[in-house]
Amino acid sequence: MKVLKKATLKVRDRVRSKMERDILAEVNHPFIVKLH
């Protein structure tokens, strides 16, 4: 599991992290934990 602190992320990294989170929320795969 990945844990990121918002205060330490740069703006570019925040955008990438949000995109990654959005993708993981949409993916339906048996090896990926479902985000709610």
PDB file of N, CA and C in Angstrom:
ATOM      1  N   MET A   1       0.848  -1.164   0.000  1.00  0.00           N
ATOM      2  CA  MET A   1       0.000   0.000   0.000  1.00  0.00           C
ATOM      3  C   MET A   1       0.897   1.231   0.000  1.00  0.00           C
ATOM      4  N   LYS A   2       0.503   2.226  -0.761  1.00  0.00           N
ATOM      5  CA  LYS A   2       1.270   3.457  -0.866  1.00  0.00           C
ATOM      6  C   LYS A   2       0.610   4.534  -0.018  1.00  0.00           C
ATOM      7  N   VAL A   3       1.411   5.227   0.790  1.00  0.00           N
ATOM      8  CA  VAL A   3       0.911   6.325   1.616  1.00  0.00           C
ATOM      9  C   VAL A   3       1.734   7.556   1.281  1.00  0.00           C
ATOM     10  N   LEU A   4       1.053   8.640   0.920  1.00  0.00           N
ATOM     11  CA  LEU A   4       1.730   9.886   0.572  1.00  0.00           C
ATOM     12  C   LEU A   4       1.223  11.017   1.452  1.00  0.00           C
ATOM     13  N   LYS A   5       2.133  11.870   1.910  1.00  0.00           N
ATOM     14  CA  LYS A   5       1.738  13.034   2.701  1.00  0.00           C
ATOM     15  C   LYS A   5       1.520  14.210   1.755  1.00  0.00           C
ATOM     16  N   LYS A   6       0.336  14.809   1.807  1.00  0.00           N
ATOM     17  CA  LYS A   6      -0.010  15.905   0.898  1.00  0.00           C
ATOM     18  C   LYS A   6       0.931  17.095   1.049  1.00  0.00           C
ATOM     19  N   ALA A   7       1.330  17.408   2.272  1.00  0.00           N
ATOM     20  CA  ALA A   7       2.145  18.593   2.522  1.00  0.00           C
ATOM     21  C   ALA A   7       3.520  18.508   1.860  1.00  0.00           C
ATOM     22  N   THR A   8       4.037  17.312   1.657  1.00  0.00           N
ATOM     23  CA  THR A   8       5.383  17.173   1.105  1.00  0.00           C
ATOM     24  C   THR A   8       5.401  16.968  -0.406  1.00  0.00           C
ATOM     25  N   LEU A   9       4.252  16.817  -1.023  1.00  0.00           N
ATOM     26  CA  LEU A   9       4.202  16.599  -2.471  1.00  0.00           C
ATOM     27  C   LEU A   9       4.333  17.912  -3.233  1.00  0.00           C
ATOM     28  N   LYS A  10       5.106  17.896  -4.301  1.00  0.00           N
ATOM     29  CA  LYS A  10       5.192  19.047  -5.185  1.00  0.00           C
ATOM     30  C   LYS A  10       3.937  19.072  -6.045  1.00  0.00           C
ATOM     31  N   VAL A  11       3.673  20.192  -6.686  1.00  0.00           N
ATOM     32  CA  VAL A  11       2.449  20.353  -7.483  1.00  0.00           C
ATOM     33  C   VAL A  11       2.371  19.289  -8.574  1.00  0.00           C
ATOM     34  N   ARG A  12       3.457  19.067  -9.297  1.00  0.00           N
ATOM     35  CA  ARG A  12       3.461  18.068 -10.368  1.00  0.00           C
ATOM     36  C   ARG A  12       3.180  16.677  -9.812  1.00  0.00           C
ATOM     37  N   ASP A  13       3.785  16.381  -8.664  1.00  0.00           N
ATOM     38  CA  ASP A  13       3.569  15.076  -8.044  1.00  0.00           C
ATOM     39  C   ASP A  13       2.136  14.927  -7.553  1.00  0.00           C
ATOM     40  N   ARG A  14       1.523  16.021  -7.111  1.00  0.00           N
ATOM     41  CA  ARG A  14       0.121  15.972  -6.680  1.00  0.00           C
ATOM     42  C   ARG A  14      -0.780  15.599  -7.845  1.00  0.00           C
ATOM     43  N   VAL A  15      -0.520  16.182  -9.005  1.00  0.00           N
ATOM     44  CA  VAL A  15      -1.325  15.890 -10.197  1.00  0.00           C
ATOM     45  C   VAL A  15      -1.166  14.425 -10.581  1.00  0.00           C
ATOM     46  N   ARG A  16       0.068  13.942 -10.584  1.00  0.00           N
ATOM     47  CA  ARG A  16       0.314  12.537 -10.933  1.00  0.00           C
ATOM     48  C   ARG A  16      -0.324  11.598  -9.920  1.00  0.00           C
ATOM     49  N   SER A  17      -0.251  11.948  -8.646  1.00  0.00           N
ATOM     50  CA  SER A  17      -0.841  11.105  -7.602  1.00  0.00           C
ATOM     51  C   SER A  17      -2.351  11.042  -7.748  1.00  0.00           C
ATOM     52  N   LYS A  18      -2.977  12.183  -8.088  1.00  0.00           N
ATOM     53  CA  LYS A  18      -4.429  12.199  -8.274  1.00  0.00           C
ATOM     54  C   LYS A  18      -4.815  11.363  -9.494  1.00  0.00           C
ATOM     55  N   MET A  19      -4.035  11.473 -10.570  1.00  0.00           N
ATOM     56  CA  MET A  19      -4.313  10.669 -11.760  1.00  0.00           C
ATOM     57  C   MET A  19      -4.179   9.179 -11.444  1.00  0.00           C
ATOM     58  N   GLU A  20      -3.146   8.808 -10.692  1.00  0.00           N
ATOM     59  CA  GLU A  20      -2.948   7.407 -10.321  1.00  0.00           C
ATOM     60  C   GLU A  20      -4.106   6.911  -9.469  1.00  0.00           C
ATOM     61  N   ARG A  21      -4.555   7.735  -8.528  1.00  0.00           N
ATOM     62  CA  ARG A  21      -5.667   7.370  -7.655  1.00  0.00           C
ATOM     63  C   ARG A  21      -6.940   7.179  -8.469  1.00  0.00           C
ATOM     64  N   ASP A  22      -7.185   8.089  -9.421  1.00  0.00           N
ATOM     65  CA  ASP A  22      -8.378   7.989 -10.266  1.00  0.00           C
ATOM     66  C   ASP A  22      -8.352   6.714 -11.114  1.00  0.00           C
ATOM     67  N   ILE A  23      -7.180   6.388 -11.649  1.00  0.00           N
ATOM     68  CA  ILE A  23      -7.048   5.165 -12.449  1.00  0.00           C
ATOM     69  C   ILE A  23      -7.298   3.938 -11.588  1.00  0.00           C
ATOM     70  N   LEU A  24      -6.695   3.893 -10.399  1.00  0.00           N
ATOM     71  CA  LEU A  24      -6.872   2.743  -9.512  1.00  0.00           C
ATOM     72  C   LEU A  24      -8.322   2.598  -9.057  1.00  0.00           C
ATOM     73  N   ALA A  25      -9.027   3.716  -8.943  1.00  0.00           N
ATOM     74  CA  ALA A  25     -10.432   3.657  -8.537  1.00  0.00           C
ATOM     75  C   ALA A  25     -11.292   3.028  -9.636  1.00  0.00           C
ATOM     76  N   GLU A  26     -10.879   3.175 -10.903  1.00  0.00           N
ATOM     77  CA  GLU A  26     -11.658   2.662 -12.028  1.00  0.00           C
ATOM     78  C   GLU A  26     -11.298   1.231 -12.425  1.00  0.00           C
ATOM     79  N   VAL A  27     -10.089   0.801 -12.083  1.00  0.00           N
ATOM     80  CA  VAL A  27      -9.600  -0.517 -12.508  1.00  0.00           C
ATOM     81  C   VAL A  27     -10.325  -1.628 -11.758  1.00  0.00           C
ATOM     82  N   ASN A  28     -10.678  -2.667 -12.499  1.00  0.00           N
ATOM     83  CA  ASN A  28     -11.303  -3.840 -11.900  1.00  0.00           C
ATOM     84  C   ASN A  28     -10.422  -5.043 -12.225  1.00  0.00           C
ATOM     85  N   HIS A  29      -9.559  -5.409 -11.268  1.00  0.00           N
ATOM     86  CA  HIS A  29      -8.608  -6.492 -11.482  1.00  0.00           C
ATOM     87  C   HIS A  29      -8.438  -7.265 -10.180  1.00  0.00           C
ATOM     88  N   PRO A  30      -8.335  -8.583 -10.245  1.00  0.00           N
ATOM     89  CA  PRO A  30      -8.263  -9.385  -9.013  1.00  0.00           C
ATOM     90  C   PRO A  30      -7.020  -9.122  -8.163  1.00  0.00           C
ATOM     91  N   PHE A  31      -5.940  -8.602  -8.746  1.00  0.00           N
ATOM     92  CA  PHE A  31      -4.711  -8.363  -7.994  1.00  0.00           C
ATOM     93  C   PHE A  31      -4.581  -6.925  -7.498  1.00  0.00           C
ATOM     94  N   ILE A  32      -5.558  -6.078  -7.786  1.00  0.00           N
ATOM     95  CA  ILE A  32      -5.524  -4.682  -7.348  1.00  0.00           C
ATOM     96  C   ILE A  32      -6.666  -4.450  -6.373  1.00  0.00           C
ATOM     97  N   VAL A  33      -6.316  -3.897  -5.204  1.00  0.00           N
ATOM     98  CA  VAL A  33      -7.320  -3.629  -4.170  1.00  0.00           C
ATOM     99  C   VAL A  33      -8.280  -2.558  -4.668  1.00  0.00           C
ATOM    100  N   LYS A  34      -9.572  -2.756  -4.449  1.00  0.00           N
ATOM    101  CA  LYS A  34     -10.598  -1.803  -4.890  1.00  0.00           C
ATOM    102  C   LYS A  34     -10.614  -0.581  -3.979  1.00  0.00           C
ATOM    103  N   LEU A  35     -10.571   0.609  -4.576  1.00  0.00           N
ATOM    104  CA  LEU A  35     -10.679   1.860  -3.824  1.00  0.00           C
ATOM    105  C   LEU A  35     -12.140   2.276  -3.769  1.00  0.00           C
ATOM    106  N   HIS A  36     -12.538   2.844  -2.663  1.00  0.00           N
ATOM    107  CA  HIS A  36     -13.921   3.301  -2.506  1.00  0.00           C
ATOM    108  C   HIS A  36     -13.972   4.796  -2.403  1.00  0.00           C
TER     109      HIS A  36
END
